[in-house]
Protein backbone atom coordinates (compact mmCIF):
# COMPACT_ATOMS: atom_id res chain seq x y z
CA MET A 1 -38.10 42.24 15.67
CA SER A 2 -38.60 38.53 14.42
CA SER A 3 -38.13 39.91 11.01
CA LEU A 4 -35.00 41.87 11.43
CA ILE A 5 -33.89 37.96 12.74
CA GLU A 6 -35.38 36.58 9.86
CA ARG A 7 -33.54 38.57 7.36
CA TYR A 8 -30.16 38.12 9.61
CA VAL A 9 -30.53 34.39 9.50
CA GLY A 10 -31.83 34.67 5.69
CA ALA A 11 -28.41 36.63 5.01
CA ALA A 12 -26.66 33.79 6.26
CA ALA A 13 -27.99 31.14 4.85
CA ASN A 14 -28.13 32.56 1.17
CA ALA A 15 -24.39 32.39 1.87
CA LEU A 16 -24.25 29.34 2.28
CA PRO A 17 -24.45 26.10 -0.44
CA GLU A 18 -28.14 24.69 -0.45
CA GLY A 19 -27.69 21.44 1.39
CA GLN A 20 -26.77 22.90 4.45
CA ARG A 21 -28.90 26.10 4.93
CA ALA A 22 -31.59 24.20 6.61
CA GLU A 23 -29.36 23.05 9.64
CA VAL A 24 -27.19 25.80 9.72
CA ARG A 25 -30.76 28.13 9.78
CA LYS A 26 -31.51 26.43 12.64
CA GLU A 27 -28.15 26.40 14.53
CA ILE A 28 -28.09 30.55 14.10
CA ARG A 29 -31.39 31.04 15.11
CA ALA A 30 -31.20 29.13 18.01
CA ALA A 31 -28.07 31.28 18.81
CA ILE A 32 -29.57 34.68 18.61
CA ASP A 33 -32.82 33.39 20.35
CA GLU A 34 -30.60 32.22 23.57
CA MET A 35 -28.72 35.62 23.59
CA VAL A 36 -31.98 37.74 22.70
CA GLU A 37 -33.51 35.97 25.83
CA LEU A 38 -30.12 36.07 27.82
CA ARG A 39 -30.15 40.10 27.42
CA ILE A 40 -33.68 40.11 28.00
CA GLU A 41 -33.40 38.55 31.52
CA ASN A 42 -30.56 41.18 32.11
CA GLY A 43 -33.20 44.14 31.41
CA GLU A 44 -33.31 45.25 28.13
CA PRO A 45 -35.99 46.30 26.09
CA GLU A 46 -36.75 43.10 23.36
CA ASN A 47 -35.84 45.12 20.34
CA ALA A 48 -32.53 46.68 21.93
CA ALA A 49 -31.78 43.51 22.58
CA VAL A 50 -31.91 41.95 19.23
CA ARG A 51 -30.07 44.12 17.46
CA ALA A 52 -27.29 44.10 20.19
CA ALA A 53 -27.60 40.21 19.52
CA LEU A 54 -27.17 40.96 15.80
CA GLU A 55 -24.25 43.53 16.15
CA GLU A 56 -23.08 41.20 18.22
CA LEU A 57 -22.84 38.35 15.78
CA GLY A 58 -21.61 40.39 13.00
CA ASP A 59 -21.73 40.84 9.10
CA PRO A 60 -24.21 37.20 8.54
CA ARG A 61 -21.70 36.02 5.35
CA GLN A 62 -18.37 36.42 7.76
CA LEU A 63 -20.79 34.27 10.09
CA ALA A 64 -21.98 31.81 7.96
CA GLN A 65 -18.00 30.81 7.39
CA GLN A 66 -18.14 28.88 10.40
CA TYR A 67 -20.31 26.33 9.02
CA ARG A 68 -18.84 25.69 5.87
CA ASP A 69 -18.20 21.93 5.85
CA THR A 70 -14.93 22.56 3.55
CA PRO A 71 -12.42 25.82 4.44
CA GLN A 72 -12.32 28.78 1.17
CA TYR A 73 -8.62 29.35 0.54
CA LEU A 74 -8.34 30.01 -2.86
CA ILE A 75 -11.71 32.12 -3.76
CA GLY A 76 -13.23 33.75 -1.02
CA PRO A 77 -16.78 34.16 1.07
CA GLY A 78 -17.16 37.38 -1.29
CA TRP A 79 -17.41 35.37 -4.19
CA PHE A 80 -17.43 31.41 -3.30
CA PRO A 81 -21.43 31.66 -3.37
CA LEU A 82 -21.56 33.21 -7.06
CA TYR A 83 -18.77 30.86 -8.03
CA VAL A 84 -20.63 27.74 -7.06
CA GLU A 85 -24.13 29.34 -8.88
CA VAL A 86 -21.89 29.61 -12.25
CA LEU A 87 -20.97 25.98 -11.73
CA LYS A 88 -24.05 24.77 -11.12
CA ARG A 89 -25.48 26.42 -14.07
CA VAL A 90 -22.79 25.84 -16.77
CA LEU A 91 -21.65 22.63 -16.19
CA PRO A 92 -24.13 20.38 -15.80
CA ILE A 93 -25.97 21.85 -19.41
CA GLY A 94 -22.31 22.20 -21.14
CA VAL A 95 -21.32 18.58 -20.61
CA ALA A 96 -24.73 16.90 -21.35
CA VAL A 97 -24.73 19.06 -24.90
CA ILE A 98 -20.90 18.42 -25.28
CA ALA A 99 -21.72 14.81 -24.59
CA VAL A 100 -24.42 14.04 -26.95
CA ILE A 101 -22.80 16.00 -30.32
CA GLY A 102 -19.33 13.96 -29.35
CA MET A 103 -21.72 10.63 -29.02
CA VAL A 104 -23.52 11.69 -32.50
CA ALA A 105 -20.44 12.81 -34.39
CA LYS A 106 -18.75 9.74 -33.59
CA ILE A 107 -21.32 7.40 -34.80
CA ALA A 108 -22.39 9.63 -37.89
CA SER A 109 -18.81 9.62 -38.96
CA ASP A 110 -17.19 6.42 -38.61
CA ASP A 111 -20.03 4.42 -38.43
CA ALA A 112 -19.38 3.27 -34.76
CA SER A 113 -21.29 0.97 -32.66
CA LEU A 114 -23.60 2.41 -29.82
CA PRO A 115 -21.08 1.87 -26.69
CA GLU A 116 -17.84 3.56 -29.11
CA GLY A 117 -19.77 6.74 -29.32
CA ILE A 118 -21.13 7.09 -25.87
CA ALA A 119 -17.22 6.28 -24.64
CA THR A 120 -16.04 9.53 -26.83
CA GLY A 121 -18.96 11.43 -25.73
CA VAL A 122 -18.24 11.01 -22.12
CA GLY A 123 -14.80 11.23 -23.12
CA SER A 124 -14.74 14.91 -24.78
CA ALA A 125 -17.47 15.73 -22.16
CA VAL A 126 -15.23 15.10 -19.30
CA GLU A 127 -12.47 17.13 -21.40
CA ILE A 128 -14.50 19.96 -22.17
CA GLY A 129 -15.73 19.68 -18.48
CA ILE A 130 -12.59 19.97 -16.98
CA GLN A 131 -11.74 23.02 -19.60
CA VAL A 132 -14.47 24.80 -18.54
CA LEU A 133 -14.23 23.97 -14.69
CA LEU A 134 -10.65 25.69 -14.86
CA TRP A 135 -11.46 28.84 -16.81
CA ILE A 136 -14.18 30.02 -14.70
CA THR A 137 -11.99 28.73 -11.81
CA VAL A 138 -9.53 31.28 -12.83
CA GLY A 139 -11.82 34.03 -13.49
CA PHE A 140 -13.21 33.87 -10.37
CA VAL A 141 -9.87 34.07 -8.98
CA ILE A 142 -8.40 37.08 -10.83
CA ALA A 143 -11.39 39.39 -9.78
CA GLU A 144 -11.20 37.90 -5.77
CA ARG A 145 -7.98 39.40 -6.03
CA ALA A 146 -8.77 42.14 -8.87
CA ILE A 147 -11.74 43.64 -7.38
CA GLY A 148 -11.62 42.23 -3.84
CA PRO A 149 -13.29 39.51 -1.71
CA HIS A 150 -16.81 42.10 -1.22
CA PRO A 151 -17.49 43.39 -4.38
CA GLY A 152 -18.94 46.27 -3.56
CA ALA A 153 -18.76 46.57 -0.08
CA ASP A 154 -16.81 49.85 2.03
CA ARG A 155 -14.49 47.34 3.90
CA ASP A 156 -13.39 50.44 5.96
CA LYS A 157 -17.20 50.67 7.99
CA ALA A 158 -18.08 48.38 10.35
CA TRP A 159 -20.68 46.04 9.91
CA THR A 160 -24.08 47.47 11.23
CA ILE A 161 -28.27 45.99 11.29
CA ASP A 162 -28.84 48.84 8.45
CA ASP A 163 -26.49 46.88 6.11
CA LEU A 164 -29.06 43.94 6.55
CA PRO A 165 -30.62 43.22 2.90
CA ALA A 166 -34.28 43.17 2.39
CA ALA A 167 -36.32 40.05 3.38
CA PRO A 168 -35.71 36.57 1.84
CA ASP A 169 -38.11 36.06 -0.48
CA ASN A 170 -39.81 32.65 0.06
CA ARG A 171 -40.73 32.31 -3.03
CA GLN A 172 -38.52 29.29 -5.11
CA ILE A 173 -40.09 30.00 -8.78
CA GLY A 174 -39.69 33.33 -10.08
CA LEU A 175 -41.14 35.26 -12.88
CA GLY A 176 -37.73 35.49 -14.99
CA GLU A 177 -37.28 31.11 -14.77
CA THR A 178 -40.74 30.70 -15.57
CA VAL A 179 -41.06 33.20 -19.05
CA GLY A 180 -37.81 31.47 -19.84
CA THR A 181 -38.87 28.12 -19.40
CA VAL A 182 -42.32 29.19 -21.21
CA LEU A 183 -40.46 31.23 -24.20
CA THR A 184 -37.95 28.28 -24.53
CA LEU A 185 -41.02 25.57 -24.98
CA LEU A 186 -42.42 28.06 -27.49
CA VAL A 187 -39.42 28.34 -29.35
CA MET A 188 -38.76 24.71 -29.56
CA GLY A 189 -42.66 23.85 -30.31
CA ALA A 190 -42.37 26.28 -33.14
CA LEU A 191 -39.21 25.38 -34.77
CA VAL A 192 -40.82 21.56 -34.91
CA ILE A 193 -43.84 22.85 -36.17
CA ILE A 194 -42.71 24.81 -39.22
CA GLN A 195 -40.22 22.14 -39.96
CA GLN A 196 -42.73 19.87 -40.97
CA VAL A 197 -44.70 22.47 -42.60
CA GLN A 198 -42.32 23.94 -44.19
CA GLY A 199 -39.02 22.28 -43.86
CA VAL A 200 -36.88 24.43 -41.91
CA GLY A 201 -34.06 22.63 -41.49
CA PHE A 202 -29.60 22.97 -40.66
CA PHE A 203 -27.80 24.68 -43.57
CA ILE A 204 -25.14 22.28 -44.83
CA PHE A 205 -22.86 22.65 -47.95
CA GLY A 206 -24.28 21.79 -50.96
CA ASP A 207 -23.29 19.73 -54.20
CA ASP A 208 -22.38 22.62 -55.72
CA ALA A 209 -19.17 24.41 -54.41
CA GLY A 210 -19.88 27.37 -52.79
CA SER A 211 -23.62 26.67 -52.34
CA TRP A 212 -25.81 25.18 -49.35
CA ASP A 213 -28.79 23.43 -48.74
CA SER A 214 -30.89 23.36 -45.93
CA ILE A 215 -31.60 19.74 -44.65
CA PRO A 216 -34.67 19.24 -41.98
CA LEU A 217 -33.24 18.06 -39.33
CA ILE A 218 -36.24 15.97 -37.85
CA ASN A 219 -37.81 13.68 -40.34
CA PRO A 220 -39.84 15.13 -42.73
CA ASP A 221 -42.15 12.39 -43.20
CA LEU A 222 -43.71 12.28 -39.51
CA GLY A 223 -47.07 11.87 -39.70
CA THR A 224 -49.83 14.44 -38.26
CA GLY A 225 -50.69 12.57 -35.41
CA TRP A 226 -47.10 12.51 -33.81
CA VAL A 227 -46.60 16.32 -34.56
CA ILE A 228 -50.32 16.98 -33.06
CA GLY A 229 -49.54 14.92 -30.15
CA PHE A 230 -46.00 16.78 -29.76
CA GLY A 231 -48.09 19.74 -29.14
CA ALA A 232 -50.03 18.50 -26.79
CA VAL A 233 -47.07 17.14 -24.51
CA LEU A 234 -45.62 20.66 -24.78
CA ALA A 235 -48.73 22.32 -23.71
CA ALA A 236 -48.49 19.98 -20.84
CA SER A 237 -44.96 21.16 -19.97
CA ILE A 238 -46.31 24.81 -20.58
CA PHE A 239 -48.97 23.71 -17.83
CA VAL A 240 -46.74 22.48 -15.42
CA ALA A 241 -44.32 26.17 -15.93
CA ILE A 242 -47.11 28.33 -15.20
CA ALA A 243 -48.47 26.17 -12.64
CA GLY A 244 -45.14 26.37 -10.74
CA TYR A 245 -45.25 30.00 -10.97
CA LEU A 246 -48.91 30.14 -9.09
CA GLU A 247 -47.19 27.51 -6.37
CA ARG A 248 -44.52 29.81 -5.78
CA ALA A 249 -42.52 27.18 -4.86
CA TYR A 250 -42.19 23.58 -5.22
CA THR A 251 -45.03 21.74 -2.76
CA PHE A 252 -45.85 17.99 -3.27
CA ARG A 253 -48.53 18.55 -5.79
CA LEU A 254 -45.87 20.27 -8.31
CA VAL A 255 -43.64 16.97 -8.31
CA VAL A 256 -46.54 15.04 -8.96
CA LEU A 257 -47.20 17.03 -12.22
CA THR A 258 -43.18 17.52 -12.88
CA ALA A 259 -43.44 13.18 -12.78
CA VAL A 260 -46.77 13.22 -14.51
CA GLU A 261 -45.15 15.86 -17.30
CA ASN A 262 -41.50 13.88 -18.06
CA ALA A 263 -44.12 10.25 -18.20
CA LEU A 264 -45.63 11.91 -20.74
CA TRP A 265 -42.48 13.02 -22.77
CA VAL A 266 -40.90 9.45 -22.17
CA GLY A 267 -44.04 7.52 -23.11
CA TYR A 268 -44.54 9.82 -26.95
CA ILE A 269 -40.81 9.97 -27.25
CA LEU A 270 -40.38 5.89 -26.44
CA ALA A 271 -43.42 5.47 -28.90
CA LEU A 272 -42.14 7.53 -31.55
CA ALA A 273 -38.48 5.76 -31.24
CA ALA A 274 -39.94 2.68 -31.98
CA SER A 275 -41.86 2.68 -34.85
CA GLU A 276 -40.45 5.58 -36.66
CA PRO A 277 -37.01 7.51 -37.13
CA ILE A 278 -36.81 10.87 -35.35
CA PHE A 279 -34.14 12.62 -37.36
CA ASN A 280 -33.98 12.72 -40.96
CA PRO A 281 -32.16 9.87 -42.95
CA GLY A 282 -31.31 11.88 -45.73
CA PHE A 283 -29.53 14.13 -43.44
CA ALA A 284 -26.59 11.70 -41.95
CA ARG A 285 -26.24 10.55 -45.49
CA ARG A 286 -25.13 14.15 -46.43
CA ILE A 287 -23.20 14.51 -43.26
CA SER A 288 -21.10 10.98 -44.10
CA ASP A 289 -22.03 8.30 -46.86
CA GLU A 290 -19.90 5.78 -44.55
CA GLY A 291 -22.58 7.13 -41.13
CA GLY A 292 -25.72 7.28 -43.62
CA SER A 293 -26.44 3.78 -42.65
CA TRP A 294 -27.29 3.82 -39.05
CA TRP A 295 -29.14 6.55 -38.91
CA ALA A 296 -31.39 5.72 -42.60
CA ALA A 297 -32.37 2.51 -40.06
CA GLY A 298 -33.30 5.33 -37.02
CA ASP A 299 -32.58 2.41 -34.70
CA GLN A 300 -29.24 3.76 -33.26
CA ALA A 301 -30.48 7.39 -33.26
CA ASN A 302 -33.90 6.90 -31.67
CA ARG A 303 -31.85 5.08 -28.78
CA ILE A 304 -29.28 8.05 -28.14
CA VAL A 305 -32.45 10.07 -27.92
CA ALA A 306 -35.05 8.05 -25.36
CA ILE A 307 -31.46 7.44 -23.42
CA VAL A 308 -31.22 11.35 -23.56
CA ILE A 309 -34.47 12.37 -22.51
CA ILE A 310 -35.84 9.41 -19.93
CA ALA A 311 -31.94 10.62 -18.46
CA TYR A 312 -33.02 14.10 -18.30
CA SER A 313 -36.52 13.39 -16.82
CA VAL A 314 -35.17 11.69 -13.84
CA TRP A 315 -32.70 14.43 -13.03
CA ASP A 316 -35.90 16.75 -13.64
CA ILE A 317 -37.41 14.41 -11.14
CA TRP A 318 -35.08 14.62 -8.94
CA GLU A 319 -34.59 18.62 -9.11
CA ALA A 320 -38.12 18.86 -8.30
CA TRP A 321 -38.66 16.45 -5.26
CA ASN A 322 -34.84 18.25 -3.86
CA ARG A 323 -36.63 21.42 -4.13
CA TYR A 324 -39.60 20.37 -2.88
CA ARG A 325 -37.80 19.38 0.47
CA GLY A 326 -35.92 22.37 0.82
CA ASN A 327 -38.59 23.90 0.45
CA ARG A 328 -40.56 21.96 3.42
CA ASN A 329 -37.25 22.83 5.38
CA VAL A 330 -37.72 26.37 5.44
CA SER A 331 -41.60 26.35 5.90
CA ASP A 332 -40.03 24.48 9.25
CA MET A 333 -38.39 26.76 10.32
CA VAL A 334 -40.54 29.92 9.59
CA ALA A 335 -43.31 27.96 11.49
CA ILE A 336 -41.08 27.00 14.48
CA ALA A 337 -39.78 30.90 14.50
CA ALA A 338 -42.98 31.82 14.55
């Protein structure tokens, strides 16, 4: 019957933010053990005592809401976990992309300084981030009112043990995440290598009215050594992604591999930025005559790339460490329960 308890505890924990799950798992498990022990002392068989205790606690999703740090009034418990997950995945990526685009556009079009470009990028990111947050929230509020607080659930039926989801999979790194990461890396590598060989680039207006020209974004004059180095670092990233899937979860060894992978990227970009313009100077000149000077020199653009890569690497290592700590806490809970 311990598997039944683990299913219940897992269902309750999954309805909470990741930072609360380990502590709540411990509290709910202790409460269940106490209830089951009391029933066994009163003469109930263990199996019956477990089922009765869990049914007395009721729907684990509703029980989980009692452990939340903040109340939920706008979006109910049926939708809130999905709402948080969507925000976690959309906002960081969207804000980062908008910040970089705004920064590059400001410097390239107005020949602005790097601090001015950063200020513009941050301002654009904040503005778009607020808009994204607003409309995602509005969408979930509408869904809450139109569909109901528990999508797909039969609210006229009392919750029973049979409604428990399957036992939670302790795998942190799924096949979908791994395949997505590897495909992204392969596409990125293919685009860079093809560009160096065939000159694939962005299509912008040509000199003649109505015509389009393909201008490489990455500096086409980079030497073969830099392209080979890029492929080697890319292969290291693919190796780490596959190693993560084989590990199933974030172990300390995987955290170390992630740190080494990011160190390789930072080292490669810093070495490249110190020696060659990363972006094609001709691309900036075609966008704006005024903006061509800073890009042609390569300094400003290279600094932006270096800052972005370093910031992402720090975030990626920190994320790996947090997921490792979360996996270690869950493993401790399972060991205690056993």
